[in-house]
Amino acid sequence: MSSKIKSFGIFGICFALGLTLFFSISEEIMIQRDPAAINGKVFQISSLSNDQIKQHLVRKIRVQPTDGGQKSLRLEGFSSAVCKTYANIELTFVADGVAVAGEAPEMRITAPCEAGQDPAEMASILIPIDQIMAEKPRNAEFHFDGFISRFEFKNTSDEWPRTWILKSVSFQSQTQGSKVVQLNHQTSKLNELVVVEF
C-alpha cells in the first residue's frame, strides 16, 4: 500500500514539474515572438507583404528640415526591432519633371538600420542638402563627413534637381534577403507621395 502511495506521489511530482517546465518555455516563446504590428507600430516586416509595407511607409515616412541645411527622413512608427533582421535601408528617389537622355535622374541613399535617440524607434536618415548642392552635379557616390549614409546619383544633368520623389525602399538583409517596396509615383495620389525638396 505504501509503495503505491510513493509511486503516485513521485508521479504527481514529476507531472507537476513537467507542467511547470512546459508553461515556462511556452511563455518565453510567446515573449520572444513580436507581432508584425501593434497599435500601428511596425515591429517586423518579414511576414508582411510588400503592399502592407507600402501602406505603412506612405503613412509613416516624414520629411523634416533640420539645422545646418539638412533634411531628416523619419520612418515614424517603425520599431528598431526591424534592424535585428535588416542591416541596411536603401531609398531610391527620382527627380520630378527632369529627364536626361530619356532617363530621370536618380538619388539612392543607403543607410544603416539602427536605433534612434529613442531606442525603441528606428533612427532618422539625414540628407546633407547644402553639402550635396555644393558639389558639382555628376554621376557619383558621395560620402560626407559626419554622415553614415552613402549618396549615389545617376543620370545627372548640369544642375542638381530640386524636387525628388521616393520611388522605392529596400530593407536589406544578408541572411533573409531583401524586402523591396516599389512606390509608383506616377499613379500615386498627391498625399501618398514622399517628396524631398532641395
N, C-alpha and C. Protein backbone atom coordinates (compact mmCIF):
# COMPACT_ATOMS: atom_id res chain seq x y z
N MET A 1 0.84 -1.21 0.00
CA MET A 1 0.00 0.00 0.00
C MET A 1 0.87 1.25 0.00
N SER A 2 1.90 1.27 0.85
CA SER A 2 2.79 2.44 0.95
C SER A 2 3.58 2.63 -0.35
N SER A 3 3.93 1.52 -1.04
CA SER A 3 4.68 1.64 -2.30
C SER A 3 3.80 2.28 -3.38
N LYS A 4 2.47 1.98 -3.37
CA LYS A 4 1.56 2.60 -4.33
C LYS A 4 1.45 4.11 -4.06
N ILE A 5 1.38 4.47 -2.79
CA ILE A 5 1.29 5.89 -2.43
C ILE A 5 2.56 6.62 -2.87
N LYS A 6 3.73 5.96 -2.65
CA LYS A 6 5.00 6.56 -3.07
C LYS A 6 5.03 6.74 -4.58
N SER A 7 4.54 5.71 -5.31
CA SER A 7 4.53 5.79 -6.78
C SER A 7 3.66 6.94 -7.27
N PHE A 8 2.45 7.04 -6.67
CA PHE A 8 1.56 8.13 -7.03
C PHE A 8 2.17 9.49 -6.68
N GLY A 9 2.84 9.55 -5.54
CA GLY A 9 3.48 10.80 -5.10
C GLY A 9 4.57 11.22 -6.06
N ILE A 10 5.43 10.24 -6.47
CA ILE A 10 6.52 10.53 -7.41
C ILE A 10 5.94 10.95 -8.76
N PHE A 11 4.90 10.21 -9.21
CA PHE A 11 4.26 10.55 -10.49
C PHE A 11 3.68 11.97 -10.45
N GLY A 12 3.02 12.32 -9.35
CA GLY A 12 2.42 13.66 -9.19
C GLY A 12 3.49 14.75 -9.22
N ILE A 13 4.62 14.51 -8.54
CA ILE A 13 5.71 15.49 -8.51
C ILE A 13 6.30 15.67 -9.92
N CYS A 14 6.56 14.54 -10.60
CA CYS A 14 7.11 14.60 -11.97
C CYS A 14 6.15 15.32 -12.92
N PHE A 15 4.85 15.00 -12.79
CA PHE A 15 3.85 15.63 -13.65
C PHE A 15 3.82 17.15 -13.42
N ALA A 16 3.84 17.56 -12.17
CA ALA A 16 3.81 18.99 -11.83
C ALA A 16 5.05 19.70 -12.36
N LEU A 17 6.23 19.04 -12.22
CA LEU A 17 7.47 19.63 -12.73
C LEU A 17 7.44 19.77 -14.25
N GLY A 18 6.94 18.73 -14.93
CA GLY A 18 6.84 18.77 -16.38
C GLY A 18 5.90 19.87 -16.86
N LEU A 19 4.76 20.01 -16.15
CA LEU A 19 3.80 21.04 -16.49
C LEU A 19 4.39 22.44 -16.29
N THR A 20 5.10 22.62 -15.21
CA THR A 20 5.75 23.91 -14.92
C THR A 20 6.78 24.25 -16.00
N LEU A 21 7.58 23.25 -16.38
CA LEU A 21 8.60 23.45 -17.41
C LEU A 21 7.96 23.81 -18.75
N PHE A 22 6.88 23.11 -19.09
CA PHE A 22 6.18 23.37 -20.35
C PHE A 22 5.67 24.81 -20.41
N PHE A 23 5.01 25.27 -19.34
CA PHE A 23 4.45 26.62 -19.33
C PHE A 23 5.53 27.69 -19.33
N SER A 24 6.64 27.44 -18.66
CA SER A 24 7.72 28.45 -18.64
C SER A 24 8.36 28.59 -20.03
N ILE A 25 8.53 27.46 -20.75
CA ILE A 25 9.09 27.51 -22.10
C ILE A 25 8.12 28.18 -23.07
N SER A 26 6.83 27.84 -22.96
CA SER A 26 5.84 28.43 -23.89
C SER A 26 5.70 29.92 -23.65
N GLU A 27 5.83 30.39 -22.40
CA GLU A 27 5.78 31.83 -22.12
C GLU A 27 6.97 32.55 -22.73
N GLU A 28 8.16 31.92 -22.66
CA GLU A 28 9.36 32.51 -23.27
C GLU A 28 9.20 32.65 -24.78
N ILE A 29 8.65 31.62 -25.42
CA ILE A 29 8.45 31.66 -26.87
C ILE A 29 7.47 32.78 -27.23
N MET A 30 6.39 32.92 -26.44
CA MET A 30 5.40 33.96 -26.70
C MET A 30 6.02 35.35 -26.54
N ILE A 31 6.91 35.53 -25.54
CA ILE A 31 7.55 36.82 -25.28
C ILE A 31 8.51 37.15 -26.42
N GLN A 32 9.29 36.15 -26.89
CA GLN A 32 10.30 36.41 -27.91
C GLN A 32 9.70 36.71 -29.27
N ARG A 33 8.50 36.25 -29.52
CA ARG A 33 7.89 36.44 -30.84
C ARG A 33 7.10 37.73 -30.88
N ASP A 34 7.63 38.74 -31.56
CA ASP A 34 6.95 40.02 -31.70
C ASP A 34 5.94 39.92 -32.84
N PRO A 35 4.76 40.47 -32.63
CA PRO A 35 3.82 40.55 -33.75
C PRO A 35 4.32 41.57 -34.75
N ALA A 36 3.82 41.49 -35.99
CA ALA A 36 4.28 42.41 -37.03
C ALA A 36 3.95 43.86 -36.68
N ALA A 37 2.76 44.10 -36.17
CA ALA A 37 2.39 45.48 -35.84
C ALA A 37 1.38 45.49 -34.71
N ILE A 38 1.60 46.41 -33.76
CA ILE A 38 0.65 46.61 -32.67
C ILE A 38 0.37 48.11 -32.60
N ASN A 39 -0.93 48.47 -32.56
CA ASN A 39 -1.32 49.87 -32.47
C ASN A 39 -0.63 50.72 -33.54
N GLY A 40 -0.49 50.18 -34.74
CA GLY A 40 0.10 50.95 -35.82
C GLY A 40 1.61 50.98 -35.84
N LYS A 41 2.28 50.38 -34.84
CA LYS A 41 3.74 50.37 -34.80
C LYS A 41 4.25 49.07 -35.42
N VAL A 42 5.20 49.19 -36.35
CA VAL A 42 5.71 48.03 -37.07
C VAL A 42 6.94 47.47 -36.35
N PHE A 43 6.85 46.21 -35.92
CA PHE A 43 7.94 45.57 -35.18
C PHE A 43 8.81 44.69 -36.07
N GLN A 44 8.21 44.08 -37.08
CA GLN A 44 8.98 43.27 -38.03
C GLN A 44 8.22 43.22 -39.34
N ILE A 45 8.99 43.09 -40.43
CA ILE A 45 8.36 43.17 -41.74
C ILE A 45 8.49 41.88 -42.54
N SER A 46 9.20 40.89 -41.98
CA SER A 46 9.45 39.66 -42.76
C SER A 46 8.15 38.93 -43.10
N SER A 47 7.12 39.06 -42.25
CA SER A 47 5.86 38.35 -42.51
C SER A 47 4.84 39.24 -43.22
N LEU A 48 5.19 40.52 -43.47
CA LEU A 48 4.27 41.42 -44.15
C LEU A 48 4.48 41.35 -45.66
N SER A 49 3.40 41.53 -46.41
CA SER A 49 3.53 41.59 -47.87
C SER A 49 4.09 42.95 -48.27
N ASN A 50 4.57 43.06 -49.51
CA ASN A 50 5.09 44.34 -49.98
C ASN A 50 4.02 45.42 -49.97
N ASP A 51 2.77 45.05 -50.27
CA ASP A 51 1.67 46.03 -50.25
C ASP A 51 1.41 46.54 -48.83
N GLN A 52 1.49 45.63 -47.84
CA GLN A 52 1.29 46.04 -46.45
C GLN A 52 2.40 46.99 -45.99
N ILE A 53 3.65 46.67 -46.37
CA ILE A 53 4.77 47.54 -46.01
C ILE A 53 4.60 48.90 -46.68
N LYS A 54 4.18 48.88 -47.95
CA LYS A 54 3.97 50.13 -48.69
C LYS A 54 2.94 51.02 -47.99
N GLN A 55 1.84 50.42 -47.53
CA GLN A 55 0.81 51.18 -46.83
C GLN A 55 1.37 51.85 -45.58
N HIS A 56 2.21 51.10 -44.82
CA HIS A 56 2.83 51.67 -43.63
C HIS A 56 3.78 52.80 -44.01
N LEU A 57 4.57 52.60 -45.08
CA LEU A 57 5.57 53.59 -45.48
C LEU A 57 4.93 54.91 -45.88
N VAL A 58 3.91 54.86 -46.76
CA VAL A 58 3.33 56.12 -47.25
C VAL A 58 2.64 56.89 -46.12
N ARG A 59 2.22 56.19 -45.06
CA ARG A 59 1.59 56.85 -43.93
C ARG A 59 2.61 57.35 -42.90
N LYS A 60 3.77 56.69 -42.85
CA LYS A 60 4.67 56.93 -41.72
C LYS A 60 5.99 57.63 -42.03
N ILE A 61 6.37 57.75 -43.32
CA ILE A 61 7.61 58.47 -43.62
C ILE A 61 7.35 59.97 -43.52
N ARG A 62 8.19 60.65 -42.76
CA ARG A 62 8.09 62.11 -42.59
C ARG A 62 9.39 62.75 -43.03
N VAL A 63 9.28 63.81 -43.83
CA VAL A 63 10.45 64.58 -44.27
C VAL A 63 10.42 65.90 -43.52
N GLN A 64 11.48 66.17 -42.75
CA GLN A 64 11.50 67.38 -41.93
C GLN A 64 12.82 68.12 -42.11
N PRO A 65 12.78 69.46 -42.21
CA PRO A 65 14.03 70.22 -42.24
C PRO A 65 14.69 70.23 -40.86
N THR A 66 16.01 70.25 -40.84
CA THR A 66 16.74 70.34 -39.58
C THR A 66 17.76 71.48 -39.71
N ASP A 67 18.49 71.74 -38.63
CA ASP A 67 19.51 72.79 -38.66
C ASP A 67 20.65 72.40 -39.60
N GLY A 68 21.32 73.40 -40.12
CA GLY A 68 22.53 73.14 -40.90
C GLY A 68 22.28 72.70 -42.32
N GLY A 69 21.15 73.10 -42.91
CA GLY A 69 20.89 72.77 -44.31
C GLY A 69 20.72 71.30 -44.58
N GLN A 70 19.98 70.62 -43.71
CA GLN A 70 19.76 69.18 -43.85
C GLN A 70 18.26 68.89 -43.89
N LYS A 71 17.94 67.70 -44.37
CA LYS A 71 16.57 67.18 -44.26
C LYS A 71 16.65 65.85 -43.53
N SER A 72 15.64 65.58 -42.73
CA SER A 72 15.57 64.34 -41.97
C SER A 72 14.44 63.47 -42.52
N LEU A 73 14.77 62.22 -42.85
CA LEU A 73 13.76 61.24 -43.26
C LEU A 73 13.48 60.35 -42.05
N ARG A 74 12.27 60.44 -41.56
CA ARG A 74 11.92 59.70 -40.35
C ARG A 74 10.89 58.62 -40.68
N LEU A 75 11.23 57.36 -40.36
CA LEU A 75 10.28 56.27 -40.55
C LEU A 75 9.48 56.14 -39.26
N GLU A 76 8.51 57.02 -39.12
CA GLU A 76 7.70 57.13 -37.90
C GLU A 76 6.91 55.84 -37.68
N GLY A 77 6.99 55.30 -36.48
CA GLY A 77 6.21 54.09 -36.18
C GLY A 77 6.89 52.80 -36.54
N PHE A 78 8.12 52.86 -37.12
CA PHE A 78 8.87 51.65 -37.39
C PHE A 78 9.80 51.38 -36.21
N SER A 79 9.64 50.23 -35.57
CA SER A 79 10.44 49.88 -34.40
C SER A 79 11.88 49.55 -34.81
N SER A 80 12.81 49.83 -33.91
CA SER A 80 14.22 49.46 -34.15
C SER A 80 14.39 47.95 -34.16
N ALA A 81 13.36 47.19 -33.74
CA ALA A 81 13.41 45.72 -33.80
C ALA A 81 13.57 45.24 -35.24
N VAL A 82 13.10 46.04 -36.21
CA VAL A 82 13.25 45.70 -37.63
C VAL A 82 14.73 45.55 -37.98
N CYS A 83 15.58 46.34 -37.31
CA CYS A 83 17.02 46.36 -37.62
C CYS A 83 17.74 45.07 -37.19
N LYS A 84 17.09 44.25 -36.36
CA LYS A 84 17.69 42.96 -35.98
C LYS A 84 17.80 42.04 -37.19
N THR A 85 16.88 42.21 -38.14
CA THR A 85 16.87 41.37 -39.34
C THR A 85 17.47 42.09 -40.54
N TYR A 86 17.17 43.38 -40.68
CA TYR A 86 17.58 44.14 -41.86
C TYR A 86 18.65 45.16 -41.47
N ALA A 87 19.87 44.95 -41.97
CA ALA A 87 21.02 45.77 -41.55
C ALA A 87 21.03 47.14 -42.21
N ASN A 88 20.50 47.23 -43.44
CA ASN A 88 20.54 48.49 -44.19
C ASN A 88 19.19 48.82 -44.80
N ILE A 89 18.99 50.12 -45.02
CA ILE A 89 17.81 50.60 -45.74
C ILE A 89 18.31 51.39 -46.94
N GLU A 90 17.74 51.10 -48.11
CA GLU A 90 18.10 51.83 -49.32
C GLU A 90 16.86 52.51 -49.87
N LEU A 91 16.94 53.83 -50.04
CA LEU A 91 15.82 54.61 -50.57
C LEU A 91 16.23 55.19 -51.92
N THR A 92 15.41 54.97 -52.94
CA THR A 92 15.70 55.49 -54.27
C THR A 92 14.67 56.55 -54.63
N PHE A 93 15.17 57.73 -55.00
CA PHE A 93 14.34 58.86 -55.40
C PHE A 93 14.57 59.16 -56.88
N VAL A 94 13.54 59.67 -57.55
CA VAL A 94 13.69 60.16 -58.93
C VAL A 94 13.37 61.65 -58.94
N ALA A 95 14.08 62.36 -59.83
CA ALA A 95 13.84 63.80 -59.95
C ALA A 95 12.50 64.04 -60.63
N ASP A 96 11.77 65.01 -60.14
CA ASP A 96 10.45 65.33 -60.70
C ASP A 96 10.59 66.28 -61.87
N GLY A 97 10.03 65.90 -63.03
CA GLY A 97 9.98 66.77 -64.19
C GLY A 97 11.30 66.99 -64.90
N VAL A 98 12.28 66.11 -64.67
CA VAL A 98 13.59 66.24 -65.30
C VAL A 98 13.93 64.92 -65.98
N ALA A 99 14.54 64.99 -67.17
CA ALA A 99 15.00 63.77 -67.86
C ALA A 99 16.31 64.07 -68.57
N VAL A 100 17.22 63.10 -68.52
CA VAL A 100 18.50 63.20 -69.22
C VAL A 100 18.57 62.00 -70.16
N ALA A 101 18.57 62.26 -71.47
CA ALA A 101 18.55 61.20 -72.49
C ALA A 101 17.41 60.22 -72.23
N GLY A 102 16.26 60.78 -71.85
CA GLY A 102 15.07 59.97 -71.63
C GLY A 102 14.98 59.30 -70.27
N GLU A 103 16.01 59.45 -69.44
CA GLU A 103 16.03 58.82 -68.11
C GLU A 103 15.96 59.90 -67.02
N ALA A 104 15.16 59.63 -66.00
CA ALA A 104 15.06 60.56 -64.88
C ALA A 104 16.30 60.44 -63.98
N PRO A 105 16.86 61.55 -63.51
CA PRO A 105 17.95 61.47 -62.54
C PRO A 105 17.50 60.71 -61.29
N GLU A 106 18.41 59.92 -60.73
CA GLU A 106 18.11 59.13 -59.53
C GLU A 106 19.06 59.50 -58.40
N MET A 107 18.52 59.48 -57.20
CA MET A 107 19.31 59.63 -55.98
C MET A 107 19.06 58.39 -55.13
N ARG A 108 20.12 57.66 -54.81
CA ARG A 108 19.99 56.46 -53.98
C ARG A 108 20.71 56.70 -52.65
N ILE A 109 19.96 56.55 -51.57
CA ILE A 109 20.52 56.73 -50.22
C ILE A 109 20.59 55.37 -49.55
N THR A 110 21.78 54.97 -49.11
CA THR A 110 21.93 53.70 -48.38
C THR A 110 22.39 54.03 -46.96
N ALA A 111 21.57 53.63 -46.00
CA ALA A 111 21.84 53.97 -44.60
C ALA A 111 21.76 52.71 -43.74
N PRO A 112 22.60 52.63 -42.68
CA PRO A 112 22.45 51.50 -41.76
C PRO A 112 21.15 51.62 -40.98
N CYS A 113 20.51 50.49 -40.76
CA CYS A 113 19.29 50.46 -39.95
C CYS A 113 19.71 50.35 -38.50
N GLU A 114 19.38 51.34 -37.70
CA GLU A 114 19.80 51.33 -36.30
C GLU A 114 18.80 52.10 -35.45
N ALA A 115 18.94 51.93 -34.13
CA ALA A 115 18.04 52.60 -33.19
C ALA A 115 18.34 54.09 -33.14
N GLY A 116 17.30 54.88 -32.88
CA GLY A 116 17.45 56.32 -32.80
C GLY A 116 17.68 56.78 -31.37
N GLN A 117 17.41 58.07 -31.11
CA GLN A 117 17.56 58.62 -29.76
C GLN A 117 16.64 57.89 -28.79
N ASP A 118 15.43 57.60 -29.25
CA ASP A 118 14.55 56.69 -28.52
C ASP A 118 14.91 55.29 -29.01
N PRO A 119 15.51 54.45 -28.16
CA PRO A 119 15.99 53.13 -28.61
C PRO A 119 14.90 52.24 -29.21
N ALA A 120 13.65 52.53 -28.92
CA ALA A 120 12.55 51.72 -29.47
C ALA A 120 12.22 52.12 -30.91
N GLU A 121 12.68 53.30 -31.34
CA GLU A 121 12.37 53.80 -32.67
C GLU A 121 13.57 53.65 -33.62
N MET A 122 13.29 53.49 -34.90
CA MET A 122 14.33 53.45 -35.91
C MET A 122 14.92 54.86 -36.09
N ALA A 123 16.23 54.93 -36.26
CA ALA A 123 16.89 56.23 -36.40
C ALA A 123 16.47 56.92 -37.70
N SER A 124 16.42 58.25 -37.66
CA SER A 124 16.14 59.04 -38.87
C SER A 124 17.34 58.99 -39.80
N ILE A 125 17.09 59.23 -41.08
CA ILE A 125 18.15 59.29 -42.09
C ILE A 125 18.32 60.75 -42.48
N LEU A 126 19.53 61.28 -42.28
CA LEU A 126 19.80 62.69 -42.57
C LEU A 126 20.36 62.85 -43.98
N ILE A 127 19.85 63.87 -44.70
CA ILE A 127 20.33 64.19 -46.04
C ILE A 127 21.01 65.56 -45.98
N PRO A 128 22.30 65.63 -46.27
CA PRO A 128 23.03 66.91 -46.19
C PRO A 128 22.82 67.75 -47.45
N ILE A 129 21.68 68.41 -47.53
CA ILE A 129 21.29 69.15 -48.74
C ILE A 129 22.37 70.16 -49.15
N ASP A 130 22.80 70.99 -48.21
CA ASP A 130 23.78 72.04 -48.54
C ASP A 130 25.08 71.45 -49.08
N GLN A 131 25.52 70.33 -48.51
CA GLN A 131 26.78 69.72 -48.96
C GLN A 131 26.64 69.10 -50.35
N ILE A 132 25.47 68.52 -50.62
CA ILE A 132 25.22 67.97 -51.97
C ILE A 132 25.20 69.11 -52.99
N MET A 133 24.49 70.19 -52.66
CA MET A 133 24.37 71.31 -53.58
C MET A 133 25.72 71.98 -53.85
N ALA A 134 26.65 71.85 -52.90
CA ALA A 134 27.99 72.44 -53.08
C ALA A 134 28.86 71.62 -54.02
N GLU A 135 28.46 70.37 -54.28
CA GLU A 135 29.21 69.51 -55.19
C GLU A 135 28.80 69.79 -56.64
N LYS A 136 29.72 69.56 -57.55
CA LYS A 136 29.40 69.66 -58.97
C LYS A 136 28.48 68.49 -59.35
N PRO A 137 27.37 68.75 -60.03
CA PRO A 137 26.47 67.65 -60.41
C PRO A 137 27.19 66.63 -61.30
N ARG A 138 27.14 65.38 -60.89
CA ARG A 138 27.78 64.31 -61.66
C ARG A 138 27.28 62.96 -61.19
N ASN A 139 27.49 61.94 -62.02
CA ASN A 139 27.16 60.57 -61.62
C ASN A 139 28.26 60.09 -60.69
N ALA A 140 27.94 59.94 -59.43
CA ALA A 140 28.97 59.57 -58.45
C ALA A 140 28.31 59.12 -57.15
N GLU A 141 29.13 58.51 -56.29
CA GLU A 141 28.70 58.16 -54.94
C GLU A 141 29.44 59.07 -53.97
N PHE A 142 28.68 59.71 -53.08
CA PHE A 142 29.26 60.68 -52.16
C PHE A 142 29.22 60.14 -50.73
N HIS A 143 30.31 60.42 -49.99
CA HIS A 143 30.40 60.14 -48.56
C HIS A 143 30.77 61.45 -47.89
N PHE A 144 29.91 61.95 -47.02
CA PHE A 144 30.16 63.24 -46.40
C PHE A 144 30.57 63.05 -44.93
N ASP A 145 31.51 63.89 -44.49
CA ASP A 145 31.97 63.84 -43.10
C ASP A 145 30.79 64.04 -42.16
N GLY A 146 30.73 63.20 -41.14
CA GLY A 146 29.67 63.30 -40.14
C GLY A 146 28.38 62.60 -40.52
N PHE A 147 28.34 61.98 -41.72
CA PHE A 147 27.14 61.26 -42.16
C PHE A 147 27.49 59.80 -42.44
N ILE A 148 26.69 58.89 -41.91
CA ILE A 148 26.98 57.47 -42.08
C ILE A 148 26.35 56.90 -43.35
N SER A 149 25.44 57.66 -43.97
CA SER A 149 24.77 57.20 -45.18
C SER A 149 25.64 57.46 -46.41
N ARG A 150 25.38 56.67 -47.48
CA ARG A 150 26.01 56.89 -48.78
C ARG A 150 24.96 57.47 -49.73
N PHE A 151 25.41 58.39 -50.60
CA PHE A 151 24.50 59.07 -51.52
C PHE A 151 25.02 58.87 -52.94
N GLU A 152 24.24 58.16 -53.77
CA GLU A 152 24.66 57.87 -55.13
C GLU A 152 23.70 58.54 -56.11
N PHE A 153 24.27 59.20 -57.12
CA PHE A 153 23.46 59.89 -58.13
C PHE A 153 23.73 59.30 -59.51
N LYS A 154 22.64 59.16 -60.29
CA LYS A 154 22.73 58.66 -61.67
C LYS A 154 21.93 59.57 -62.58
N ASN A 155 22.30 59.58 -63.87
CA ASN A 155 21.59 60.36 -64.89
C ASN A 155 21.52 61.85 -64.55
N THR A 156 22.59 62.38 -63.98
CA THR A 156 22.57 63.79 -63.59
C THR A 156 22.76 64.70 -64.80
N SER A 157 22.27 65.94 -64.64
CA SER A 157 22.43 66.94 -65.70
C SER A 157 23.39 68.02 -65.21
N ASP A 158 23.31 69.21 -65.80
CA ASP A 158 24.21 70.30 -65.43
C ASP A 158 23.88 70.92 -64.09
N GLU A 159 22.65 70.73 -63.64
CA GLU A 159 22.21 71.29 -62.35
C GLU A 159 21.56 70.20 -61.51
N TRP A 160 21.68 70.35 -60.20
CA TRP A 160 21.00 69.41 -59.31
C TRP A 160 19.50 69.65 -59.37
N PRO A 161 18.72 68.61 -59.58
CA PRO A 161 17.26 68.77 -59.48
C PRO A 161 16.87 69.20 -58.07
N ARG A 162 15.79 69.95 -57.98
CA ARG A 162 15.37 70.47 -56.67
C ARG A 162 14.28 69.63 -56.01
N THR A 163 13.54 68.85 -56.79
CA THR A 163 12.43 68.06 -56.23
C THR A 163 12.66 66.59 -56.52
N TRP A 164 12.68 65.78 -55.45
CA TRP A 164 12.92 64.34 -55.56
C TRP A 164 11.73 63.59 -54.97
N ILE A 165 11.24 62.57 -55.70
CA ILE A 165 10.09 61.78 -55.26
C ILE A 165 10.54 60.34 -54.99
N LEU A 166 10.13 59.82 -53.83
CA LEU A 166 10.52 58.46 -53.44
C LEU A 166 9.94 57.44 -54.41
N LYS A 167 10.83 56.60 -54.95
CA LYS A 167 10.44 55.58 -55.93
C LYS A 167 10.39 54.19 -55.31
N SER A 168 11.36 53.88 -54.44
CA SER A 168 11.38 52.54 -53.83
C SER A 168 12.14 52.57 -52.51
N VAL A 169 11.81 51.60 -51.67
CA VAL A 169 12.51 51.40 -50.39
C VAL A 169 12.90 49.94 -50.31
N SER A 170 14.16 49.69 -50.00
CA SER A 170 14.66 48.31 -49.88
C SER A 170 15.23 48.10 -48.48
N PHE A 171 14.65 47.13 -47.76
CA PHE A 171 15.19 46.71 -46.46
C PHE A 171 16.11 45.53 -46.75
N GLN A 172 17.40 45.68 -46.45
CA GLN A 172 18.40 44.71 -46.88
C GLN A 172 18.91 43.84 -45.74
N SER A 173 18.90 42.52 -45.99
CA SER A 173 19.39 41.54 -45.01
C SER A 173 20.33 40.57 -45.72
N GLN A 174 21.44 40.23 -45.07
CA GLN A 174 22.37 39.26 -45.65
C GLN A 174 21.87 37.83 -45.49
N THR A 175 21.02 37.60 -44.50
CA THR A 175 20.57 36.23 -44.22
C THR A 175 19.18 35.93 -44.79
N GLN A 176 18.29 36.91 -44.79
CA GLN A 176 16.91 36.65 -45.21
C GLN A 176 16.53 37.32 -46.52
N GLY A 177 17.50 37.86 -47.24
CA GLY A 177 17.19 38.54 -48.49
C GLY A 177 16.60 39.91 -48.23
N SER A 178 16.31 40.63 -49.29
CA SER A 178 15.80 42.00 -49.16
C SER A 178 14.29 42.05 -49.34
N LYS A 179 13.69 43.05 -48.71
CA LYS A 179 12.28 43.37 -48.94
C LYS A 179 12.26 44.67 -49.72
N VAL A 180 11.85 44.61 -50.98
CA VAL A 180 11.85 45.79 -51.84
C VAL A 180 10.41 46.23 -52.08
N VAL A 181 10.13 47.48 -51.78
CA VAL A 181 8.79 48.03 -51.95
C VAL A 181 8.85 49.13 -53.01
N GLN A 182 8.11 48.96 -54.10
CA GLN A 182 8.06 49.94 -55.17
C GLN A 182 6.88 50.90 -54.93
N LEU A 183 7.14 52.19 -55.06
CA LEU A 183 6.08 53.19 -54.95
C LEU A 183 5.93 53.84 -56.31
N ASN A 184 4.84 53.58 -56.97
CA ASN A 184 4.63 54.11 -58.32
C ASN A 184 4.20 55.57 -58.21
N HIS A 185 5.20 56.47 -58.30
CA HIS A 185 4.93 57.89 -58.11
C HIS A 185 4.05 58.47 -59.22
N GLN A 186 4.00 57.81 -60.37
CA GLN A 186 3.23 58.34 -61.49
C GLN A 186 1.73 58.10 -61.32
N THR A 187 1.37 57.06 -60.58
CA THR A 187 -0.06 56.77 -60.38
C THR A 187 -0.51 57.04 -58.94
N SER A 188 0.43 57.40 -58.07
CA SER A 188 0.08 57.65 -56.67
C SER A 188 -0.68 58.96 -56.52
N LYS A 189 -1.54 59.01 -55.50
CA LYS A 189 -2.22 60.26 -55.18
C LYS A 189 -1.20 61.21 -54.55
N LEU A 190 -1.51 62.49 -54.62
CA LEU A 190 -0.59 63.52 -54.11
C LEU A 190 -0.24 63.31 -52.65
N ASN A 191 -1.24 62.91 -51.84
CA ASN A 191 -0.98 62.74 -50.41
C ASN A 191 -0.22 61.45 -50.10
N GLU A 192 0.01 60.61 -51.13
CA GLU A 192 0.77 59.38 -50.92
C GLU A 192 2.23 59.53 -51.35
N LEU A 193 2.58 60.68 -51.96
CA LEU A 193 3.94 60.90 -52.42
C LEU A 193 4.84 61.32 -51.26
N VAL A 194 6.07 60.79 -51.27
CA VAL A 194 7.08 61.23 -50.31
C VAL A 194 8.08 62.07 -51.09
N VAL A 195 8.13 63.37 -50.78
CA VAL A 195 8.89 64.32 -51.58
C VAL A 195 9.98 64.97 -50.72
N VAL A 196 11.19 65.03 -51.29
CA VAL A 196 12.30 65.77 -50.66
C VAL A 196 12.63 66.95 -51.55
N GLU A 197 12.56 68.15 -50.99
CA GLU A 197 12.90 69.37 -51.72
C GLU A 197 14.32 69.81 -51.35
N PHE A 198 15.15 70.06 -52.35
CA PHE A 198 16.49 70.58 -52.11
C PHE A 198 16.42 72.10 -51.97
